[in-house]
Amino acid sequence: MKVRRLKGYQVLYLRMKDLIAIKVECKAGYKADEYPVRFYWDNMSFEIEEIVDRWYQGVQNPAFPAANYFKVRTLDKKIYILKHETKPDSWYLLIKGETIIL
């Protein structure tokens, strides 16, 4: 991840494999952390309007821990992919090579 300043803004250049650690609020149903309802990144809050898609990563390969993925749409109509690694209970934001201005 490259970071540089641009007229008072912080610009992040991220590659597809970049994972950004985030905090997530979840709806608990029949299991804890059933699905995300809000996430926090860089002191900003993103309320999730819709879970667009979700999929799972099993534990066949120890190099890739078990994880749940959520493709979400926020209230501002932007799409994000969230990864939840279940064993360490860690959440990440996946970025697809986009430039993000904070």
Protein backbone atom coordinates (compact mmCIF):
# COMPACT_ATOMS: atom_id res chain seq x y z
CA MET A 1 0.00 0.00 0.00
CA LYS A 2 1.40 3.41 -0.99
CA VAL A 3 0.26 6.56 0.80
CA ARG A 4 0.88 10.14 -0.26
CA ARG A 5 -0.57 13.56 0.53
CA LEU A 6 -2.53 15.52 -2.08
CA LYS A 7 -3.67 19.05 -1.18
CA GLY A 8 -4.55 18.15 2.40
CA TYR A 9 -6.00 14.74 1.54
CA GLN A 10 -4.45 11.37 2.13
CA VAL A 11 -4.43 9.27 -1.05
CA LEU A 12 -4.10 5.50 -0.76
CA TYR A 13 -2.98 3.36 -3.68
CA LEU A 14 -4.00 -0.20 -2.92
CA ARG A 15 -3.58 -3.47 -4.78
CA MET A 16 -6.21 -6.23 -4.98
CA LYS A 17 -4.39 -8.28 -2.36
CA ASP A 18 -4.39 -5.43 0.12
CA LEU A 19 -6.35 -6.12 3.29
CA ILE A 20 -7.19 -3.25 5.61
CA ALA A 21 -8.06 -4.16 9.20
CA ILE A 22 -11.45 -2.69 10.16
CA LYS A 23 -13.94 -2.83 13.02
CA VAL A 24 -17.39 -4.24 12.27
CA GLU A 25 -20.76 -4.24 14.03
CA CYS A 26 -22.75 -7.38 13.30
CA LYS A 27 -26.29 -8.64 13.59
CA ALA A 28 -26.39 -11.71 15.77
CA GLY A 29 -28.96 -14.29 14.77
CA TYR A 30 -28.73 -18.03 15.25
CA LYS A 31 -24.95 -17.51 15.49
CA ALA A 32 -22.70 -14.66 16.61
CA ASP A 33 -21.54 -12.25 13.90
CA GLU A 34 -24.12 -13.57 11.46
CA TYR A 35 -23.73 -10.62 9.08
CA PRO A 36 -22.27 -7.09 9.17
CA VAL A 37 -24.49 -4.01 9.58
CA ARG A 38 -21.81 -1.30 9.87
CA PHE A 39 -18.05 -1.03 9.55
CA TYR A 40 -15.48 1.53 10.67
CA TRP A 41 -12.42 2.51 8.67
CA ASP A 42 -10.07 5.45 9.18
CA ASN A 43 -12.39 7.09 11.74
CA MET A 44 -15.35 6.88 9.34
CA SER A 45 -18.53 4.88 9.77
CA PHE A 46 -20.16 3.03 6.85
CA GLU A 47 -23.71 1.78 7.36
CA ILE A 48 -24.53 -1.26 5.26
CA GLU A 49 -27.73 -1.00 3.27
CA GLU A 50 -27.62 -4.43 1.63
CA ILE A 51 -25.64 -7.66 1.57
CA VAL A 52 -25.26 -8.07 -2.20
CA ASP A 53 -23.48 -11.43 -2.06
CA ARG A 54 -21.67 -13.69 0.38
CA TRP A 55 -19.40 -16.70 0.10
CA TYR A 56 -17.17 -18.89 2.23
CA GLN A 57 -13.56 -20.00 2.19
CA GLY A 58 -13.05 -23.43 3.72
CA VAL A 59 -10.02 -24.76 5.58
CA GLN A 60 -8.63 -27.22 3.00
CA ASN A 61 -5.43 -25.19 2.70
CA PRO A 62 -3.80 -24.12 6.00
CA ALA A 63 -2.23 -21.12 4.22
CA PHE A 64 -5.74 -19.69 3.81
CA PRO A 65 -7.73 -19.58 7.06
CA ALA A 66 -11.47 -20.16 7.10
CA ALA A 67 -13.26 -16.95 6.22
CA ASN A 68 -16.62 -15.47 5.31
CA TYR A 69 -16.79 -12.84 2.58
CA PHE A 70 -19.52 -10.23 2.22
CA LYS A 71 -20.06 -8.01 -0.80
CA VAL A 72 -21.98 -5.05 0.67
CA ARG A 73 -23.62 -1.85 -0.51
CA THR A 74 -23.44 1.10 1.87
CA LEU A 75 -25.96 3.92 2.19
CA ASP A 76 -23.88 6.03 -0.20
CA LYS A 77 -24.40 3.26 -2.83
CA LYS A 78 -20.74 2.18 -2.87
CA ILE A 79 -19.78 -1.49 -3.03
CA TYR A 80 -17.20 -2.99 -0.66
CA ILE A 81 -15.95 -6.51 0.03
CA LEU A 82 -15.48 -7.45 3.68
CA LYS A 83 -13.56 -10.52 4.85
CA HIS A 84 -14.14 -12.12 8.25
CA GLU A 85 -11.47 -14.60 9.33
CA THR A 86 -13.38 -16.73 11.79
CA LYS A 87 -10.62 -18.24 13.96
CA PRO A 88 -8.87 -15.03 15.00
CA ASP A 89 -12.21 -13.16 14.63
CA SER A 90 -10.60 -10.49 12.43
CA TRP A 91 -12.34 -8.30 9.85
CA TYR A 92 -10.75 -6.81 6.75
CA LEU A 93 -11.73 -4.54 3.90
CA LEU A 94 -10.57 -5.82 0.48
CA ILE A 95 -9.71 -3.21 -2.10
CA LYS A 96 -9.56 -3.90 -5.84
CA GLY A 97 -6.66 -1.71 -6.97
CA GLU A 98 -8.62 1.51 -6.53
CA THR A 99 -7.35 4.93 -5.55
CA ILE A 100 -9.13 6.12 -2.44
CA ILE A 101 -9.07 9.72 -1.25
CA LEU A 102 -9.70 10.17 2.47
